[in-house]
Amino acid sequence: MLKIGEFSKLSRVSIRMLRHYDDIGLLKPAEIDNFTGYRYYREEQLFTIGRITSLKDMGFTLADIIKILDSYDDKEKMDAFLSERQKELSKLSKETEYKLMLLETARKRLRKEQNMSFDVTVKTIPERYAATVQMVVPHYEDEGMLWNTMMSECKDLVPADPCLAAAEFLDPEYKEENVEIIVWMTVSGSYNDTEHVKFKTLPEVKVASCIIKGSYDQMGEAYATVASWIKSNGYKINGSMFNIYHVSPAQTQNPDEYVTEACFPIE
């Protein structure tokens, strides 16, 4: 038997934490002296404390660890616990990577002393013949699913000159999931509809628009600029806004080279 101090030293877990483990039922002492109140641990409990420490290092909460220890010798259950935690950490890693990218972009702007400015213009986009795909996708960033569908079902499309490729967001409000999007690309010639790709002549539309050069993290400020301009100049938004991708990830992998036109139908 080991006194709590000896057990603490061998396990590299503080006495305070061992007492906390006792209080929450995670690791009870093997014996407690009724007279002195001293806690004693068996040597084999060092293996249990090692498991607890290992699971903590993986990011499991103490409440989770209490449940996991009950199934520690069941390989299938343990694999399920570990697999679920792996998925959680993978998601967290992607979210952290995205936040780091935003921080780095912001710092680059500070170093360049670059102030974002967007010039708003009013123009009419003429009637145009286009391949279209309309779908509900899990999130806005899944827009690529529509473009992939278009390209996979229509491999012989001839782009119009000039070719306009756009995504229109149909929901009346921002949605965190199940968003409805239609993408369209102007084409030359005539084609038969496929399962998901429909060919339409889109009507002309009057828009207030601005050009965004660079990464998509500027879009929020660009949208705010156009919306404010529309109100200040006596116009009203008349329809769903859309983005025209003049230079997109289809042409370059460098976000600094993207050229996007945010368009708001107006009246």
C-alpha atoms as a PDB file:
ATOM      1  CA  MET A   1       0.000   0.000   0.000  1.00  0.00           C
ATOM      2  CA  LEU A   2       1.142   3.525  -0.758  1.00  0.00           C
ATOM      3  CA  LYS A   3       0.455   6.660   1.240  1.00  0.00           C
ATOM      4  CA  ILE A   4      -1.150   9.445  -0.793  1.00  0.00           C
ATOM      5  CA  GLY A   5       2.130  11.362  -0.924  1.00  0.00           C
ATOM      6  CA  GLU A   6       4.007   8.363  -2.295  1.00  0.00           C
ATOM      7  CA  PHE A   7       1.233   7.635  -4.770  1.00  0.00           C
ATOM      8  CA  SER A   8       1.237  11.285  -5.849  1.00  0.00           C
ATOM      9  CA  LYS A   9       4.966  11.215  -6.488  1.00  0.00           C
ATOM     10  CA  LEU A  10       4.888   7.979  -8.479  1.00  0.00           C
ATOM     11  CA  SER A  11       1.827   8.962 -10.512  1.00  0.00           C
ATOM     12  CA  ARG A  12       2.891  12.595 -11.027  1.00  0.00           C
ATOM     13  CA  VAL A  13      -0.568  13.738  -9.976  1.00  0.00           C
ATOM     14  CA  SER A  14      -0.881  16.297  -7.181  1.00  0.00           C
ATOM     15  CA  ILE A  15      -2.415  15.404  -3.836  1.00  0.00           C
ATOM     16  CA  ARG A  16      -5.024  18.109  -4.408  1.00  0.00           C
ATOM     17  CA  MET A  17      -6.065  16.476  -7.683  1.00  0.00           C
ATOM     18  CA  LEU A  18      -6.102  12.992  -6.144  1.00  0.00           C
ATOM     19  CA  ARG A  19      -8.485  14.273  -3.491  1.00  0.00           C
ATOM     20  CA  HIS A  20     -10.648  15.807  -6.220  1.00  0.00           C
ATOM     21  CA  TYR A  21     -10.688  12.472  -8.073  1.00  0.00           C
ATOM     22  CA  ASP A  22     -11.863  10.858  -4.834  1.00  0.00           C
ATOM     23  CA  ASP A  23     -14.621  13.460  -4.346  1.00  0.00           C
ATOM     24  CA  ILE A  24     -16.096  12.943  -7.833  1.00  0.00           C
ATOM     25  CA  GLY A  25     -15.770   9.147  -7.738  1.00  0.00           C
ATOM     26  CA  LEU A  26     -13.148   8.901 -10.457  1.00  0.00           C
ATOM     27  CA  LEU A  27     -10.460   7.216  -8.354  1.00  0.00           C
ATOM     28  CA  LYS A  28     -11.155   6.187  -4.777  1.00  0.00           C
ATOM     29  CA  PRO A  29      -8.342   5.302  -2.349  1.00  0.00           C
ATOM     30  CA  ALA A  30      -8.042   1.599  -1.630  1.00  0.00           C
ATOM     31  CA  GLU A  31      -8.324   2.354   2.095  1.00  0.00           C
ATOM     32  CA  ILE A  32      -8.866   5.320   4.388  1.00  0.00           C
ATOM     33  CA  ASP A  33      -7.650   5.131   7.982  1.00  0.00           C
ATOM     34  CA  ASN A  34     -10.697   5.783  10.168  1.00  0.00           C
ATOM     35  CA  PHE A  35      -8.580   7.294  12.919  1.00  0.00           C
ATOM     36  CA  THR A  36      -6.142   9.484  10.992  1.00  0.00           C
ATOM     37  CA  GLY A  37      -8.072   9.973   7.747  1.00  0.00           C
ATOM     38  CA  TYR A  38      -4.952   9.046   5.742  1.00  0.00           C
ATOM     39  CA  ARG A  39      -5.609   7.763   2.251  1.00  0.00           C
ATOM     40  CA  TYR A  40      -3.824   4.670   0.956  1.00  0.00           C
ATOM     41  CA  TYR A  41      -3.605   3.382  -2.600  1.00  0.00           C
ATOM     42  CA  ARG A  42      -2.671   0.013  -4.029  1.00  0.00           C
ATOM     43  CA  GLU A  43       0.271  -0.196  -6.411  1.00  0.00           C
ATOM     44  CA  GLU A  44      -1.956  -1.504  -9.226  1.00  0.00           C
ATOM     45  CA  GLN A  45      -3.951   1.729  -9.049  1.00  0.00           C
ATOM     46  CA  LEU A  46      -0.951   3.401 -10.674  1.00  0.00           C
ATOM     47  CA  PHE A  47      -2.117   1.791 -13.926  1.00  0.00           C
ATOM     48  CA  THR A  48      -5.571   3.354 -13.461  1.00  0.00           C
ATOM     49  CA  ILE A  49      -4.159   6.807 -12.779  1.00  0.00           C
ATOM     50  CA  GLY A  50      -1.981   6.390 -15.872  1.00  0.00           C
ATOM     51  CA  ARG A  51      -5.098   5.730 -17.949  1.00  0.00           C
ATOM     52  CA  ILE A  52      -6.809   8.783 -16.465  1.00  0.00           C
ATOM     53  CA  THR A  53      -3.846  11.007 -17.271  1.00  0.00           C
ATOM     54  CA  SER A  54      -3.635   9.638 -20.810  1.00  0.00           C
ATOM     55  CA  LEU A  55      -7.349  10.254 -21.429  1.00  0.00           C
ATOM     56  CA  LYS A  56      -7.064  13.792 -20.007  1.00  0.00           C
ATOM     57  CA  ASP A  57      -4.199  14.479 -22.402  1.00  0.00           C
ATOM     58  CA  MET A  58      -6.514  13.431 -25.262  1.00  0.00           C
ATOM     59  CA  GLY A  59      -8.973  16.117 -24.134  1.00  0.00           C
ATOM     60  CA  PHE A  60     -11.616  13.966 -22.472  1.00  0.00           C
ATOM     61  CA  THR A  61     -13.433  15.596 -19.558  1.00  0.00           C
ATOM     62  CA  LEU A  62     -13.351  13.993 -16.125  1.00  0.00           C
ATOM     63  CA  ALA A  63     -17.045  13.154 -16.500  1.00  0.00           C
ATOM     64  CA  ASP A  64     -16.249  11.373 -19.772  1.00  0.00           C
ATOM     65  CA  ILE A  65     -13.343   9.522 -18.185  1.00  0.00           C
ATOM     66  CA  ILE A  66     -15.574   8.122 -15.435  1.00  0.00           C
ATOM     67  CA  LYS A  67     -17.749   6.524 -18.131  1.00  0.00           C
ATOM     68  CA  ILE A  68     -14.795   5.390 -20.225  1.00  0.00           C
ATOM     69  CA  LEU A  69     -13.037   3.620 -17.357  1.00  0.00           C
ATOM     70  CA  ASP A  70     -16.101   1.420 -16.902  1.00  0.00           C
ATOM     71  CA  SER A  71     -15.584   0.162 -20.476  1.00  0.00           C
ATOM     72  CA  TYR A  72     -11.792   0.284 -20.639  1.00  0.00           C
ATOM     73  CA  ASP A  73     -11.427  -3.448 -21.293  1.00  0.00           C
ATOM     74  CA  ASP A  74     -14.109  -3.473 -24.005  1.00  0.00           C
ATOM     75  CA  LYS A  75     -12.172  -2.824 -27.208  1.00  0.00           C
ATOM     76  CA  GLU A  76     -15.223  -1.974 -29.321  1.00  0.00           C
ATOM     77  CA  LYS A  77     -16.566   0.567 -26.848  1.00  0.00           C
ATOM     78  CA  MET A  78     -13.114   2.061 -26.340  1.00  0.00           C
ATOM     79  CA  ASP A  79     -12.620   2.400 -30.073  1.00  0.00           C
ATOM     80  CA  ALA A  80     -15.973   4.195 -30.324  1.00  0.00           C
ATOM     81  CA  PHE A  81     -14.963   6.651 -27.567  1.00  0.00           C
ATOM     82  CA  LEU A  82     -11.595   7.315 -29.216  1.00  0.00           C
ATOM     83  CA  SER A  83     -13.069   7.629 -32.710  1.00  0.00           C
ATOM     84  CA  GLU A  84     -15.632  10.196 -31.561  1.00  0.00           C
ATOM     85  CA  ARG A  85     -12.958  12.257 -29.805  1.00  0.00           C
ATOM     86  CA  GLN A  86     -10.789  12.084 -32.920  1.00  0.00           C
ATOM     87  CA  LYS A  87     -13.638  13.530 -34.990  1.00  0.00           C
ATOM     88  CA  GLU A  88     -14.163  16.323 -32.446  1.00  0.00           C
ATOM     89  CA  LEU A  89     -10.476  17.244 -32.489  1.00  0.00           C
ATOM     90  CA  SER A  90     -10.360  17.125 -36.295  1.00  0.00           C
ATOM     91  CA  LYS A  91     -13.262  19.583 -36.464  1.00  0.00           C
ATOM     92  CA  LEU A  92     -11.634  21.784 -33.836  1.00  0.00           C
ATOM     93  CA  SER A  93      -8.368  21.708 -35.792  1.00  0.00           C
ATOM     94  CA  LYS A  94     -10.115  22.923 -38.960  1.00  0.00           C
ATOM     95  CA  GLU A  95     -11.890  25.677 -37.037  1.00  0.00           C
ATOM     96  CA  THR A  96      -8.599  26.742 -35.450  1.00  0.00           C
ATOM     97  CA  GLU A  97      -6.854  26.711 -38.831  1.00  0.00           C
ATOM     98  CA  TYR A  98      -9.588  28.954 -40.255  1.00  0.00           C
ATOM     99  CA  LYS A  99      -9.304  31.397 -37.342  1.00  0.00           C
ATOM    100  CA  LEU A 100      -5.517  31.505 -37.739  1.00  0.00           C
ATOM    101  CA  MET A 101      -5.978  32.307 -41.425  1.00  0.00           C
ATOM    102  CA  LEU A 102      -8.318  35.203 -40.569  1.00  0.00           C
ATOM    103  CA  LEU A 103      -5.827  36.519 -38.002  1.00  0.00           C
ATOM    104  CA  GLU A 104      -2.956  36.322 -40.470  1.00  0.00           C
ATOM    105  CA  THR A 105      -5.014  38.103 -43.141  1.00  0.00           C
ATOM    106  CA  ALA A 106      -5.889  40.875 -40.692  1.00  0.00           C
ATOM    107  CA  ARG A 107      -2.248  41.270 -39.700  1.00  0.00           C
ATOM    108  CA  LYS A 108      -1.173  41.437 -43.348  1.00  0.00           C
ATOM    109  CA  ARG A 109      -3.635  44.258 -43.912  1.00  0.00           C
ATOM    110  CA  LEU A 110      -2.255  46.111 -40.905  1.00  0.00           C
ATOM    111  CA  ARG A 111       1.309  45.722 -42.147  1.00  0.00           C
ATOM    112  CA  LYS A 112       0.307  46.980 -45.597  1.00  0.00           C
ATOM    113  CA  GLU A 113      -1.803  49.769 -44.034  1.00  0.00           C
ATOM    114  CA  GLN A 114      -4.427  48.756 -46.540  1.00  0.00           C
ATOM    115  CA  ASN A 115      -7.915  50.170 -46.132  1.00  0.00           C
ATOM    116  CA  MET A 116     -10.621  48.226 -47.869  1.00  0.00           C
ATOM    117  CA  SER A 117     -12.738  50.395 -50.138  1.00  0.00           C
ATOM    118  CA  PHE A 118     -15.435  49.307 -52.522  1.00  0.00           C
ATOM    119  CA  ASP A 119     -16.765  51.443 -55.361  1.00  0.00           C
ATOM    120  CA  VAL A 120     -20.468  50.848 -56.010  1.00  0.00           C
ATOM    121  CA  THR A 121     -21.871  51.199 -59.521  1.00  0.00           C
ATOM    122  CA  VAL A 122     -25.297  50.697 -61.057  1.00  0.00           C
ATOM    123  CA  LYS A 123     -25.547  48.667 -64.239  1.00  0.00           C
ATOM    124  CA  THR A 124     -27.865  46.382 -66.156  1.00  0.00           C
ATOM    125  CA  ILE A 125     -26.841  42.780 -66.748  1.00  0.00           C
ATOM    126  CA  PRO A 126     -28.457  41.839 -70.082  1.00  0.00           C
ATOM    127  CA  GLU A 127     -30.590  38.817 -70.850  1.00  0.00           C
ATOM    128  CA  ARG A 128     -28.386  35.707 -71.028  1.00  0.00           C
ATOM    129  CA  TYR A 129     -28.594  31.983 -71.780  1.00  0.00           C
ATOM    130  CA  ALA A 130     -27.172  29.941 -68.937  1.00  0.00           C
ATOM    131  CA  ALA A 131     -26.733  26.502 -67.451  1.00  0.00           C
ATOM    132  CA  THR A 132     -28.257  26.505 -63.966  1.00  0.00           C
ATOM    133  CA  VAL A 133     -28.230  24.221 -60.944  1.00  0.00           C
ATOM    134  CA  GLN A 134     -30.499  24.842 -57.953  1.00  0.00           C
ATOM    135  CA  MET A 135     -30.024  22.829 -54.770  1.00  0.00           C
ATOM    136  CA  VAL A 136     -30.297  22.914 -50.985  1.00  0.00           C
ATOM    137  CA  VAL A 137     -26.875  22.251 -49.478  1.00  0.00           C
ATOM    138  CA  PRO A 138     -25.760  21.886 -45.854  1.00  0.00           C
ATOM    139  CA  HIS A 139     -23.861  25.187 -45.596  1.00  0.00           C
ATOM    140  CA  TYR A 140     -22.864  28.182 -47.729  1.00  0.00           C
ATOM    141  CA  GLU A 141     -19.329  26.853 -48.066  1.00  0.00           C
ATOM    142  CA  ASP A 142     -20.769  23.763 -49.798  1.00  0.00           C
ATOM    143  CA  GLU A 143     -21.581  25.843 -52.880  1.00  0.00           C
ATOM    144  CA  GLY A 144     -18.953  23.829 -54.755  1.00  0.00           C
ATOM    145  CA  MET A 145     -21.357  20.873 -54.776  1.00  0.00           C
ATOM    146  CA  LEU A 146     -23.514  22.707 -57.318  1.00  0.00           C
ATOM    147  CA  TRP A 147     -20.597  23.545 -59.605  1.00  0.00           C
ATOM    148  CA  ASN A 148     -19.341  19.962 -59.416  1.00  0.00           C
ATOM    149  CA  THR A 149     -22.820  18.743 -60.362  1.00  0.00           C
ATOM    150  CA  MET A 150     -22.900  21.069 -63.367  1.00  0.00           C
ATOM    151  CA  MET A 151     -19.488  19.994 -64.596  1.00  0.00           C
ATOM    152  CA  SER A 152     -20.107  16.277 -64.064  1.00  0.00           C
ATOM    153  CA  GLU A 153     -23.481  16.240 -65.854  1.00  0.00           C
ATOM    154  CA  CYS A 154     -22.479  18.586 -68.710  1.00  0.00           C
ATOM    155  CA  LYS A 155     -18.919  17.949 -69.819  1.00  0.00           C
ATOM    156  CA  ASP A 156     -19.319  19.593 -73.255  1.00  0.00           C
ATOM    157  CA  LEU A 157     -20.454  23.078 -72.238  1.00  0.00           C
ATOM    158  CA  VAL A 158     -19.121  25.923 -74.390  1.00  0.00           C
ATOM    159  CA  PRO A 159     -18.724  29.085 -72.264  1.00  0.00           C
ATOM    160  CA  ALA A 160     -20.215  32.287 -73.619  1.00  0.00           C
ATOM    161  CA  ASP A 161     -17.943  35.212 -74.463  1.00  0.00           C
ATOM    162  CA  PRO A 162     -17.774  36.837 -72.026  1.00  0.00           C
ATOM    163  CA  CYS A 163     -18.593  34.015 -69.656  1.00  0.00           C
ATOM    164  CA  LEU A 164     -20.324  34.947 -66.404  1.00  0.00           C
ATOM    165  CA  ALA A 165     -20.438  32.436 -63.551  1.00  0.00           C
ATOM    166  CA  ALA A 166     -22.518  33.332 -60.513  1.00  0.00           C
ATOM    167  CA  ALA A 167     -24.105  32.024 -57.339  1.00  0.00           C
ATOM    168  CA  GLU A 168     -27.432  33.398 -56.137  1.00  0.00           C
ATOM    169  CA  PHE A 169     -28.525  32.911 -52.522  1.00  0.00           C
ATOM    170  CA  LEU A 170     -32.274  32.351 -52.428  1.00  0.00           C
ATOM    171  CA  ASP A 171     -33.135  32.247 -48.728  1.00  0.00           C
ATOM    172  CA  PRO A 172     -34.624  35.512 -47.383  1.00  0.00           C
ATOM    173  CA  GLU A 173     -32.348  35.358 -44.321  1.00  0.00           C
ATOM    174  CA  TYR A 174     -28.961  33.991 -43.321  1.00  0.00           C
ATOM    175  CA  LYS A 175     -29.205  30.296 -42.454  1.00  0.00           C
ATOM    176  CA  GLU A 176     -26.712  28.187 -40.534  1.00  0.00           C
ATOM    177  CA  GLU A 177     -27.707  25.038 -42.424  1.00  0.00           C
ATOM    178  CA  ASN A 178     -29.825  23.790 -45.334  1.00  0.00           C
ATOM    179  CA  VAL A 179     -29.272  26.804 -47.551  1.00  0.00           C
ATOM    180  CA  GLU A 180     -30.808  27.157 -51.002  1.00  0.00           C
ATOM    181  CA  ILE A 181     -28.497  28.290 -53.788  1.00  0.00           C
ATOM    182  CA  ILE A 182     -28.720  28.529 -57.543  1.00  0.00           C
ATOM    183  CA  VAL A 183     -25.561  28.760 -59.625  1.00  0.00           C
ATOM    184  CA  TRP A 184     -25.489  29.744 -63.269  1.00  0.00           C
ATOM    185  CA  MET A 185     -22.934  30.037 -66.034  1.00  0.00           C
ATOM    186  CA  THR A 186     -23.535  31.712 -69.396  1.00  0.00           C
ATOM    187  CA  VAL A 187     -23.005  29.339 -72.320  1.00  0.00           C
ATOM    188  CA  SER A 188     -23.049  29.379 -76.112  1.00  0.00           C
ATOM    189  CA  GLY A 189     -25.205  27.002 -78.162  1.00  0.00           C
ATOM    190  CA  SER A 190     -28.249  25.079 -76.984  1.00  0.00           C
ATOM    191  CA  TYR A 191     -28.460  22.062 -74.715  1.00  0.00           C
ATOM    192  CA  ASN A 192     -30.922  19.577 -73.304  1.00  0.00           C
ATOM    193  CA  ASP A 193     -31.654  19.601 -69.605  1.00  0.00           C
ATOM    194  CA  THR A 194     -30.097  16.876 -67.445  1.00  0.00           C
ATOM    195  CA  GLU A 195     -31.219  15.569 -64.075  1.00  0.00           C
ATOM    196  CA  HIS A 196     -29.960  18.605 -62.182  1.00  0.00           C
ATOM    197  CA  VAL A 197     -28.782  21.066 -64.850  1.00  0.00           C
ATOM    198  CA  LYS A 198     -31.490  23.235 -66.396  1.00  0.00           C
ATOM    199  CA  PHE A 199     -30.834  25.598 -69.299  1.00  0.00           C
ATOM    200  CA  LYS A 200     -32.645  28.930 -69.107  1.00  0.00           C
ATOM    201  CA  THR A 201     -32.694  32.377 -70.619  1.00  0.00           C
ATOM    202  CA  LEU A 202     -32.276  34.618 -67.606  1.00  0.00           C
ATOM    203  CA  PRO A 203     -33.930  38.062 -67.769  1.00  0.00           C
ATOM    204  CA  GLU A 204     -31.965  41.271 -67.676  1.00  0.00           C
ATOM    205  CA  VAL A 205     -31.494  42.689 -64.213  1.00  0.00           C
ATOM    206  CA  LYS A 206     -30.536  46.096 -62.878  1.00  0.00           C
ATOM    207  CA  VAL A 207     -28.024  45.809 -60.044  1.00  0.00           C
ATOM    208  CA  ALA A 208     -25.905  47.827 -57.683  1.00  0.00           C
ATOM    209  CA  SER A 209     -22.559  46.078 -57.607  1.00  0.00           C
ATOM    210  CA  CYS A 210     -18.994  46.346 -56.441  1.00  0.00           C
ATOM    211  CA  ILE A 211     -15.803  44.489 -57.255  1.00  0.00           C
ATOM    212  CA  ILE A 212     -13.921  42.659 -54.491  1.00  0.00           C
ATOM    213  CA  LYS A 213     -10.311  41.865 -55.267  1.00  0.00           C
ATOM    214  CA  GLY A 214      -8.770  39.237 -53.019  1.00  0.00           C
ATOM    215  CA  SER A 215      -9.961  36.655 -50.522  1.00  0.00           C
ATOM    216  CA  TYR A 216     -13.580  36.013 -49.611  1.00  0.00           C
ATOM    217  CA  ASP A 217     -13.130  37.223 -46.018  1.00  0.00           C
ATOM    218  CA  GLN A 218     -13.846  40.738 -47.374  1.00  0.00           C
ATOM    219  CA  MET A 219     -17.345  39.818 -48.525  1.00  0.00           C
ATOM    220  CA  GLY A 220     -19.141  40.869 -45.337  1.00  0.00           C
ATOM    221  CA  GLU A 221     -17.784  44.408 -45.498  1.00  0.00           C
ATOM    222  CA  ALA A 222     -18.470  44.590 -49.232  1.00  0.00           C
ATOM    223  CA  TYR A 223     -22.097  43.547 -48.738  1.00  0.00           C
ATOM    224  CA  ALA A 224     -22.504  46.140 -45.988  1.00  0.00           C
ATOM    225  CA  THR A 225     -21.063  48.829 -48.255  1.00  0.00           C
ATOM    226  CA  VAL A 226     -23.431  48.044 -51.136  1.00  0.00           C
ATOM    227  CA  ALA A 227     -26.496  47.752 -48.887  1.00  0.00           C
ATOM    228  CA  SER A 228     -25.696  51.101 -47.268  1.00  0.00           C
ATOM    229  CA  TRP A 229     -25.113  52.712 -50.663  1.00  0.00           C
ATOM    230  CA  ILE A 230     -28.471  51.435 -51.954  1.00  0.00           C
ATOM    231  CA  LYS A 231     -30.326  52.973 -49.023  1.00  0.00           C
ATOM    232  CA  SER A 232     -28.402  56.261 -49.199  1.00  0.00           C
ATOM    233  CA  ASN A 233     -29.119  56.686 -52.909  1.00  0.00           C
ATOM    234  CA  GLY A 234     -32.853  56.075 -52.815  1.00  0.00           C
ATOM    235  CA  TYR A 235     -32.919  52.590 -54.298  1.00  0.00           C
ATOM    236  CA  LYS A 236     -34.562  49.440 -52.918  1.00  0.00           C
ATOM    237  CA  ILE A 237     -33.284  45.872 -53.049  1.00  0.00           C
ATOM    238  CA  ASN A 238     -35.489  43.900 -55.439  1.00  0.00           C
ATOM    239  CA  GLY A 239     -34.494  40.245 -55.378  1.00  0.00           C
ATOM    240  CA  SER A 240     -31.817  37.888 -54.125  1.00  0.00           C
ATOM    241  CA  MET A 241     -28.232  39.096 -54.185  1.00  0.00           C
ATOM    242  CA  PHE A 242     -25.661  37.097 -56.129  1.00  0.00           C
ATOM    243  CA  ASN A 243     -21.923  36.902 -56.637  1.00  0.00           C
ATOM    244  CA  ILE A 244     -20.326  36.832 -60.080  1.00  0.00           C
ATOM    245  CA  TYR A 245     -16.972  35.038 -59.988  1.00  0.00           C
ATOM    246  CA  HIS A 246     -14.682  36.724 -62.499  1.00  0.00           C
ATOM    247  CA  VAL A 247     -11.609  34.977 -61.075  1.00  0.00           C
ATOM    248  CA  SER A 248     -12.376  32.103 -58.713  1.00  0.00           C
ATOM    249  CA  PRO A 249     -10.742  29.003 -57.221  1.00  0.00           C
ATOM    250  CA  ALA A 250     -11.451  27.360 -60.583  1.00  0.00           C
ATOM    251  CA  GLN A 251      -8.787  29.622 -62.116  1.00  0.00           C
ATOM    252  CA  THR A 252      -6.312  30.147 -59.274  1.00  0.00           C
ATOM    253  CA  GLN A 253      -5.415  28.703 -55.895  1.00  0.00           C
ATOM    254  CA  ASN A 254      -4.150  32.084 -54.669  1.00  0.00           C
ATOM    255  CA  PRO A 255      -6.948  33.888 -52.766  1.00  0.00           C
ATOM    256  CA  ASP A 256      -5.201  37.233 -53.371  1.00  0.00           C
ATOM    257  CA  GLU A 257      -5.998  36.810 -57.077  1.00  0.00           C
ATOM    258  CA  TYR A 258      -9.753  36.264 -56.682  1.00  0.00           C
ATOM    259  CA  VAL A 259     -12.036  38.826 -58.350  1.00  0.00           C
ATOM    260  CA  THR A 260     -15.662  38.716 -57.246  1.00  0.00           C
ATOM    261  CA  GLU A 261     -18.555  41.041 -58.072  1.00  0.00           C
ATOM    262  CA  ALA A 262     -21.274  41.365 -55.445  1.00  0.00           C
ATOM    263  CA  CYS A 263     -24.576  42.207 -57.145  1.00  0.00           C
ATOM    264  CA  PHE A 264     -27.811  43.410 -55.537  1.00  0.00           C
ATOM    265  CA  PRO A 265     -30.906  43.648 -57.781  1.00  0.00           C
ATOM    266  CA  ILE A 266     -32.454  47.095 -57.287  1.00  0.00           C
ATOM    267  CA  GLU A 267     -35.410  49.183 -58.325  1.00  0.00           C
END
